PDB file of N, CA and C in Angstrom:
ATOM      1  N   GLY A   1      33.011  22.238 -56.038  1.00  0.00           N
ATOM      2  CA  GLY A   1      32.209  22.777 -54.534  1.00  0.00           C
ATOM      3  C   GLY A   1      32.225  23.962 -53.592  1.00  0.00           C
ATOM      4  N   GLN A   2      32.381  24.570 -52.868  1.00  0.00           N
ATOM      5  CA  GLN A   2      32.685  25.645 -51.662  1.00  0.00           C
ATOM      6  C   GLN A   2      34.005  24.770 -50.731  1.00  0.00           C
ATOM      7  N   ASP A   3      33.204  23.529 -50.884  1.00  0.00           N
ATOM      8  CA  ASP A   3      34.055  22.909 -49.821  1.00  0.00           C
ATOM      9  C   ASP A   3      35.559  21.886 -50.803  1.00  0.00           C
ATOM     10  N   LYS A   4      35.146  22.175 -51.735  1.00  0.00           N
ATOM     11  CA  LYS A   4      35.737  21.846 -52.440  1.00  0.00           C
ATOM     12  C   LYS A   4      36.234  19.843 -52.307  1.00  0.00           C
ATOM     13  N   LYS A   5      35.222  19.369 -52.415  1.00  0.00           N
ATOM     14  CA  LYS A   5      35.134  18.507 -52.080  1.00  0.00           C
ATOM     15  C   LYS A   5      34.662  16.981 -53.657  1.00  0.00           C
ATOM     16  N   HIS A   6      34.477  18.446 -54.481  1.00  0.00           N
ATOM     17  CA  HIS A   6      33.965  17.563 -56.228  1.00  0.00           C
ATOM     18  C   HIS A   6      35.009  18.030 -56.896  1.00  0.00           C
ATOM     19  N   VAL A   7      34.836  16.687 -58.334  1.00  0.00           N
ATOM     20  CA  VAL A   7      35.523  18.034 -59.355  1.00  0.00           C
ATOM     21  C   VAL A   7      34.206  17.417 -60.400  1.00  0.00           C
ATOM     22  N   ARG A   8      35.097  18.701 -61.724  1.00  0.00           N
ATOM     23  CA  ARG A   8      34.239  19.003 -63.338  1.00  0.00           C
ATOM     24  C   ARG A   8      35.242  18.685 -63.405  1.00  0.00           C
ATOM     25  N   LEU A   9      35.373  16.933 -64.767  1.00  0.00           N
ATOM     26  CA  LEU A   9      35.716  17.101 -65.704  1.00  0.00           C
ATOM     27  C   LEU A   9      34.880  17.226 -66.862  1.00  0.00           C
ATOM     28  N   ASN A  10      36.195  17.280 -67.856  1.00  0.00           N
ATOM     29  CA  ASN A  10      36.127  16.861 -69.723  1.00  0.00           C
ATOM     30  C   ASN A  10      36.336  15.792 -69.946  1.00  0.00           C
ATOM     31  N   MET A  11      35.305  14.835 -70.354  1.00  0.00           N
ATOM     32  CA  MET A  11      36.265  13.800 -71.044  1.00  0.00           C
ATOM     33  C   MET A  11      35.197  13.279 -72.257  1.00  0.00           C
ATOM     34  N   LYS A  12      36.838  12.563 -73.566  1.00  0.00           N
ATOM     35  CA  LYS A  12      35.938  12.256 -74.775  1.00  0.00           C
ATOM     36  C   LYS A  12      36.263  11.135 -74.500  1.00  0.00           C
ATOM     37  N   LYS A  13      35.299  10.938 -75.975  1.00  0.00           N
ATOM     38  CA  LYS A  13      34.834   9.674 -76.293  1.00  0.00           C
ATOM     39  C   LYS A  13      34.646  10.138 -77.980  1.00  0.00           C
ATOM     40  N   GLY A  14      36.200   9.285 -78.344  1.00  0.00           N
ATOM     41  CA  GLY A  14      35.939   9.654 -80.173  1.00  0.00           C
ATOM     42  C   GLY A  14      36.346  11.108 -80.098  1.00  0.00           C
ATOM     43  N   ASP A  15      35.233  11.417 -80.710  1.00  0.00           N
ATOM     44  CA  ASP A  15      35.274  13.150 -81.266  1.00  0.00           C
ATOM     45  C   ASP A  15      34.093  13.974 -80.646  1.00  0.00           C
ATOM     46  N   LYS A  16      33.496  12.799 -79.253  1.00  0.00           N
ATOM     47  CA  LYS A  16      32.407  13.650 -78.033  1.00  0.00           C
ATOM     48  C   LYS A  16      33.144  13.837 -77.173  1.00  0.00           C
ATOM     49  N   LEU A  17      32.565  15.192 -76.504  1.00  0.00           N
ATOM     50  CA  LEU A  17      32.978  15.748 -75.811  1.00  0.00           C
ATOM     51  C   LEU A  17      32.250  15.686 -74.681  1.00  0.00           C
ATOM     52  N   VAL A  18      32.043  15.100 -73.208  1.00  0.00           N
ATOM     53  CA  VAL A  18      31.145  14.362 -72.387  1.00  0.00           C
ATOM     54  C   VAL A  18      32.194  15.445 -70.539  1.00  0.00           C
ATOM     55  N   LYS A  19      30.752  16.013 -70.468  1.00  0.00           N
ATOM     56  CA  LYS A  19      30.746  16.751 -69.404  1.00  0.00           C
ATOM     57  C   LYS A  19      30.910  15.967 -68.001  1.00  0.00           C
ATOM     58  N   VAL A  20      31.205  15.442 -67.353  1.00  0.00           N
ATOM     59  CA  VAL A  20      31.467  14.237 -65.851  1.00  0.00           C
ATOM     60  C   VAL A  20      31.998  15.672 -64.402  1.00  0.00           C
ATOM     61  N   LEU A  21      31.021  14.908 -63.744  1.00  0.00           N
ATOM     62  CA  LEU A  21      31.231  15.795 -62.943  1.00  0.00           C
ATOM     63  C   LEU A  21      31.845  14.498 -61.294  1.00  0.00           C
ATOM     64  N   ALA A  22      31.846  14.554 -60.060  1.00  0.00           N
ATOM     65  CA  ALA A  22      32.740  13.473 -59.238  1.00  0.00           C
ATOM     66  C   ALA A  22      31.946  14.149 -58.249  1.00  0.00           C
ATOM     67  N   TRP A  23      30.677  13.089 -58.169  1.00  0.00           N
ATOM     68  CA  TRP A  23      30.894  13.970 -55.911  1.00  0.00           C
ATOM     69  C   TRP A  23      32.167  13.823 -54.729  1.00  0.00           C
ATOM     70  N   ASN A  24      32.365  13.882 -54.354  1.00  0.00           N
ATOM     71  CA  ASN A  24      33.485  13.490 -53.591  1.00  0.00           C
ATOM     72  C   ASN A  24      34.535  12.884 -53.872  1.00  0.00           C
ATOM     73  N   LYS A  25      34.682  13.617 -54.685  1.00  0.00           N
ATOM     74  CA  LYS A  25      36.172  12.587 -55.648  1.00  0.00           C
ATOM     75  C   LYS A  25      37.418  13.642 -56.104  1.00  0.00           C
ATOM     76  N   ALA A  26      37.595  14.329 -54.640  1.00  0.00           N
ATOM     77  CA  ALA A  26      38.431  15.950 -55.270  1.00  0.00           C
ATOM     78  C   ALA A  26      39.699  15.120 -54.911  1.00  0.00           C
ATOM     79  N   GLU A  27      40.008  14.504 -53.906  1.00  0.00           N
ATOM     80  CA  GLU A  27      41.047  14.455 -53.920  1.00  0.00           C
ATOM     81  C   GLU A  27      41.607  12.105 -54.183  1.00  0.00           C
ATOM     82  N   GLU A  28      40.776  11.711 -54.499  1.00  0.00           N
ATOM     83  CA  GLU A  28      40.763  10.865 -55.322  1.00  0.00           C
ATOM     84  C   GLU A  28      41.174  11.505 -56.936  1.00  0.00           C
ATOM     85  N   SER A  29      40.553  11.766 -57.667  1.00  0.00           N
ATOM     86  CA  SER A  29      40.828  12.922 -58.176  1.00  0.00           C
ATOM     87  C   SER A  29      43.162  12.496 -58.748  1.00  0.00           C
ATOM     88  N   ALA A  30      43.513  13.217 -57.571  1.00  0.00           N
ATOM     89  CA  ALA A  30      44.824  13.537 -57.656  1.00  0.00           C
ATOM     90  C   ALA A  30      45.435  12.101 -58.507  1.00  0.00           C
ATOM     91  N   ASN A  31      45.310  10.851 -58.331  1.00  0.00           N
ATOM     92  CA  ASN A  31      45.452  10.258 -58.962  1.00  0.00           C
ATOM     93  C   ASN A  31      45.221   9.914 -60.650  1.00  0.00           C
ATOM     94  N   TRP A  32      44.575  10.300 -60.848  1.00  0.00           N
ATOM     95  CA  TRP A  32      43.655  10.594 -62.246  1.00  0.00           C
ATOM     96  C   TRP A  32      45.515  11.206 -62.981  1.00  0.00           C
ATOM     97  N   THR A  33      45.211  10.993 -64.942  1.00  0.00           N
ATOM     98  CA  THR A  33      45.765  11.544 -65.561  1.00  0.00           C
ATOM     99  C   THR A  33      45.415  12.108 -66.920  1.00  0.00           C
ATOM    100  N   THR A  34      46.259  13.314 -67.043  1.00  0.00           N
ATOM    101  CA  THR A  34      45.195  13.912 -68.227  1.00  0.00           C
ATOM    102  C   THR A  34      45.993  12.640 -69.789  1.00  0.00           C
ATOM    103  N   GLY A  35      44.977  11.905 -70.284  1.00  0.00           N
ATOM    104  CA  GLY A  35      45.736  11.433 -71.613  1.00  0.00           C
ATOM    105  C   GLY A  35      45.601  10.106 -71.325  1.00  0.00           C
ATOM    106  N   THR A  36      44.749  10.043 -69.840  1.00  0.00           N
ATOM    107  CA  THR A  36      45.266   8.911 -70.221  1.00  0.00           C
ATOM    108  C   THR A  36      43.593   7.604 -70.399  1.00  0.00           C
ATOM    109  N   THR A  37      43.783   6.467 -70.883  1.00  0.00           N
ATOM    110  CA  THR A  37      42.240   6.058 -71.770  1.00  0.00           C
ATOM    111  C   THR A  37      41.962   5.461 -69.535  1.00  0.00           C
ATOM    112  N   TYR A  38      40.150   5.365 -69.834  1.00  0.00           N
ATOM    113  CA  TYR A  38      39.581   4.568 -68.794  1.00  0.00           C
ATOM    114  C   TYR A  38      38.182   4.735 -69.238  1.00  0.00           C
ATOM    115  N   ASP A  39      38.147   3.270 -68.033  1.00  0.00           N
ATOM    116  CA  ASP A  39      36.613   2.845 -68.290  1.00  0.00           C
ATOM    117  C   ASP A  39      35.667   3.269 -67.071  1.00  0.00           C
ATOM    118  N   ILE A  40      34.712   3.994 -67.146  1.00  0.00           N
ATOM    119  CA  ILE A  40      34.163   4.459 -66.190  1.00  0.00           C
ATOM    120  C   ILE A  40      32.688   4.096 -66.501  1.00  0.00           C
ATOM    121  N   ALA A  41      32.329   4.483 -65.450  1.00  0.00           N
ATOM    122  CA  ALA A  41      30.995   4.395 -64.542  1.00  0.00           C
ATOM    123  C   ALA A  41      29.789   4.775 -64.462  1.00  0.00           C
ATOM    124  N   PHE A  42      28.677   5.676 -64.378  1.00  0.00           N
ATOM    125  CA  PHE A  42      27.841   7.037 -65.042  1.00  0.00           C
ATOM    126  C   PHE A  42      26.816   6.560 -65.001  1.00  0.00           C
ATOM    127  N   SER A  43      25.983   7.768 -64.218  1.00  0.00           N
ATOM    128  CA  SER A  43      24.471   7.844 -64.118  1.00  0.00           C
ATOM    129  C   SER A  43      24.843   9.178 -64.992  1.00  0.00           C
ATOM    130  N   PRO A  44      23.785   9.060 -66.199  1.00  0.00           N
ATOM    131  CA  PRO A  44      23.179  10.905 -67.041  1.00  0.00           C
ATOM    132  C   PRO A  44      22.640  11.099 -66.510  1.00  0.00           C
ATOM    133  N   SER A  45      22.468  12.975 -65.751  1.00  0.00           N
ATOM    134  CA  SER A  45      21.915  13.387 -65.037  1.00  0.00           C
ATOM    135  C   SER A  45      22.239  14.623 -66.185  1.00  0.00           C
ATOM    136  N   ILE A  46      20.270  15.565 -66.261  1.00  0.00           N
ATOM    137  CA  ILE A  46      20.402  17.003 -66.417  1.00  0.00           C
ATOM    138  C   ILE A  46      21.078  18.035 -65.847  1.00  0.00           C
ATOM    139  N   ASN A  47      21.741  19.265 -66.064  1.00  0.00           N
ATOM    140  CA  ASN A  47      22.427  20.180 -65.205  1.00  0.00           C
ATOM    141  C   ASN A  47      21.792  21.295 -65.369  1.00  0.00           C
ATOM    142  N   GLU A  48      20.404  22.291 -64.991  1.00  0.00           N
ATOM    143  CA  GLU A  48      20.345  23.105 -64.713  1.00  0.00           C
ATOM    144  C   GLU A  48      21.147  24.244 -63.789  1.00  0.00           C
ATOM    145  N   TRP A  49      21.220  25.436 -64.228  1.00  0.00           N
ATOM    146  CA  TRP A  49      22.254  25.824 -63.542  1.00  0.00           C
ATOM    147  C   TRP A  49      22.104  28.017 -64.060  1.00  0.00           C
ATOM    148  N   GLN A  50      21.342  28.487 -63.117  1.00  0.00           N
ATOM    149  CA  GLN A  50      21.585  29.641 -64.027  1.00  0.00           C
ATOM    150  C   GLN A  50      20.973  29.717 -65.538  1.00  0.00           C
ATOM    151  N   GLY A  51      19.846  28.875 -65.383  1.00  0.00           N
ATOM    152  CA  GLY A  51      18.731  29.360 -67.019  1.00  0.00           C
ATOM    153  C   GLY A  51      19.328  27.834 -68.223  1.00  0.00           C
ATOM    154  N   ARG A  52      20.889  27.243 -66.913  1.00  0.00           N
ATOM    155  CA  ARG A  52      21.154  27.019 -68.731  1.00  0.00           C
ATOM    156  C   ARG A  52      21.001  25.260 -68.043  1.00  0.00           C
ATOM    157  N   VAL A  53      20.169  24.473 -69.149  1.00  0.00           N
ATOM    158  CA  VAL A  53      20.100  23.211 -68.990  1.00  0.00           C
ATOM    159  C   VAL A  53      21.254  21.945 -69.813  1.00  0.00           C
ATOM    160  N   GLU A  54      22.239  21.385 -69.020  1.00  0.00           N
ATOM    161  CA  GLU A  54      22.462  20.406 -70.361  1.00  0.00           C
ATOM    162  C   GLU A  54      22.754  19.860 -69.479  1.00  0.00           C
ATOM    163  N   VAL A  55      22.952  18.061 -70.649  1.00  0.00           N
ATOM    164  CA  VAL A  55      23.636  16.761 -69.984  1.00  0.00           C
ATOM    165  C   VAL A  55      24.814  16.471 -69.621  1.00  0.00           C
ATOM    166  N   GLN A  56      25.086  15.397 -68.016  1.00  0.00           N
ATOM    167  CA  GLN A  56      25.557  15.677 -67.690  1.00  0.00           C
ATOM    168  C   GLN A  56      25.881  14.420 -67.209  1.00  0.00           C
ATOM    169  N   ALA A  57      27.340  13.485 -66.987  1.00  0.00           N
ATOM    170  CA  ALA A  57      27.647  12.207 -66.871  1.00  0.00           C
ATOM    171  C   ALA A  57      27.222  12.393 -64.926  1.00  0.00           C
ATOM    172  N   GLU A  58      27.443  11.698 -64.398  1.00  0.00           N
ATOM    173  CA  GLU A  58      27.730  11.594 -63.052  1.00  0.00           C
ATOM    174  C   GLU A  58      28.355  10.910 -62.553  1.00  0.00           C
ATOM    175  N   LEU A  59      29.754  11.132 -62.610  1.00  0.00           N
ATOM    176  CA  LEU A  59      30.583   9.682 -62.532  1.00  0.00           C
ATOM    177  C   LEU A  59      30.006   8.392 -60.685  1.00  0.00           C
ATOM    178  N   LYS A  60      30.545   7.877 -61.495  1.00  0.00           N
ATOM    179  CA  LYS A  60      30.058   6.580 -60.346  1.00  0.00           C
ATOM    180  C   LYS A  60      31.426   5.792 -59.580  1.00  0.00           C
ATOM    181  N   ASP A  61      32.415   5.488 -60.147  1.00  0.00           N
ATOM    182  CA  ASP A  61      34.182   4.543 -60.725  1.00  0.00           C
ATOM    183  C   ASP A  61      34.316   5.041 -61.948  1.00  0.00           C
ATOM    184  N   LEU A  62      35.145   4.873 -61.475  1.00  0.00           N
ATOM    185  CA  LEU A  62      36.094   4.784 -62.701  1.00  0.00           C
ATOM    186  C   LEU A  62      38.216   3.606 -63.005  1.00  0.00           C
ATOM    187  N   ARG A  63      38.355   3.088 -63.002  1.00  0.00           N
ATOM    188  CA  ARG A  63      39.665   2.604 -63.794  1.00  0.00           C
ATOM    189  C   ARG A  63      39.848   2.305 -65.391  1.00  0.00           C
ATOM    190  N   PRO A  64      41.697   2.759 -64.517  1.00  0.00           N
ATOM    191  CA  PRO A  64      42.693   3.563 -65.884  1.00  0.00           C
ATOM    192  C   PRO A  64      41.794   1.457 -67.264  1.00  0.00           C
ATOM    193  N   HIS A  65      42.073   1.762 -68.126  1.00  0.00           N
ATOM    194  CA  HIS A  65      41.094   0.896 -69.120  1.00  0.00           C
ATOM    195  C   HIS A  65      41.600   0.064 -70.135  1.00  0.00           C
ATOM    196  N   GLY A  66      41.562  -1.357 -69.581  1.00  0.00           N
ATOM    197  CA  GLY A  66      42.265  -1.792 -69.513  1.00  0.00           C
ATOM    198  C   GLY A  66      42.652  -3.379 -68.682  1.00  0.00           C
ATOM    199  N   ASN A  67      42.881  -2.662 -67.494  1.00  0.00           N
ATOM    200  CA  ASN A  67      42.593  -3.721 -66.119  1.00  0.00           C
ATOM    201  C   ASN A  67      41.522  -3.793 -65.007  1.00  0.00           C
ATOM    202  N   ASP A  68      41.485  -5.296 -65.520  1.00  0.00           N
ATOM    203  CA  ASP A  68      40.613  -6.290 -65.759  1.00  0.00           C
ATOM    204  C   ASP A  68      40.624  -6.456 -63.846  1.00  0.00           C
TER     205      ASP A  68
END
């Protein structure tokens, strides 16, 4: 967004690519590492922008996989 508080990510599950929107997580995202496996909590949503409609996930929380 204009205020640079939000992050849009592309995450993979197997061979599927999932678009993830992380509201107000820009500062926290500095600690996320490309190539790391994460467990995520999300809510599915529909993104409608400029005539395009697509499914996305709204990130609620994440942690590195295996960190119970």
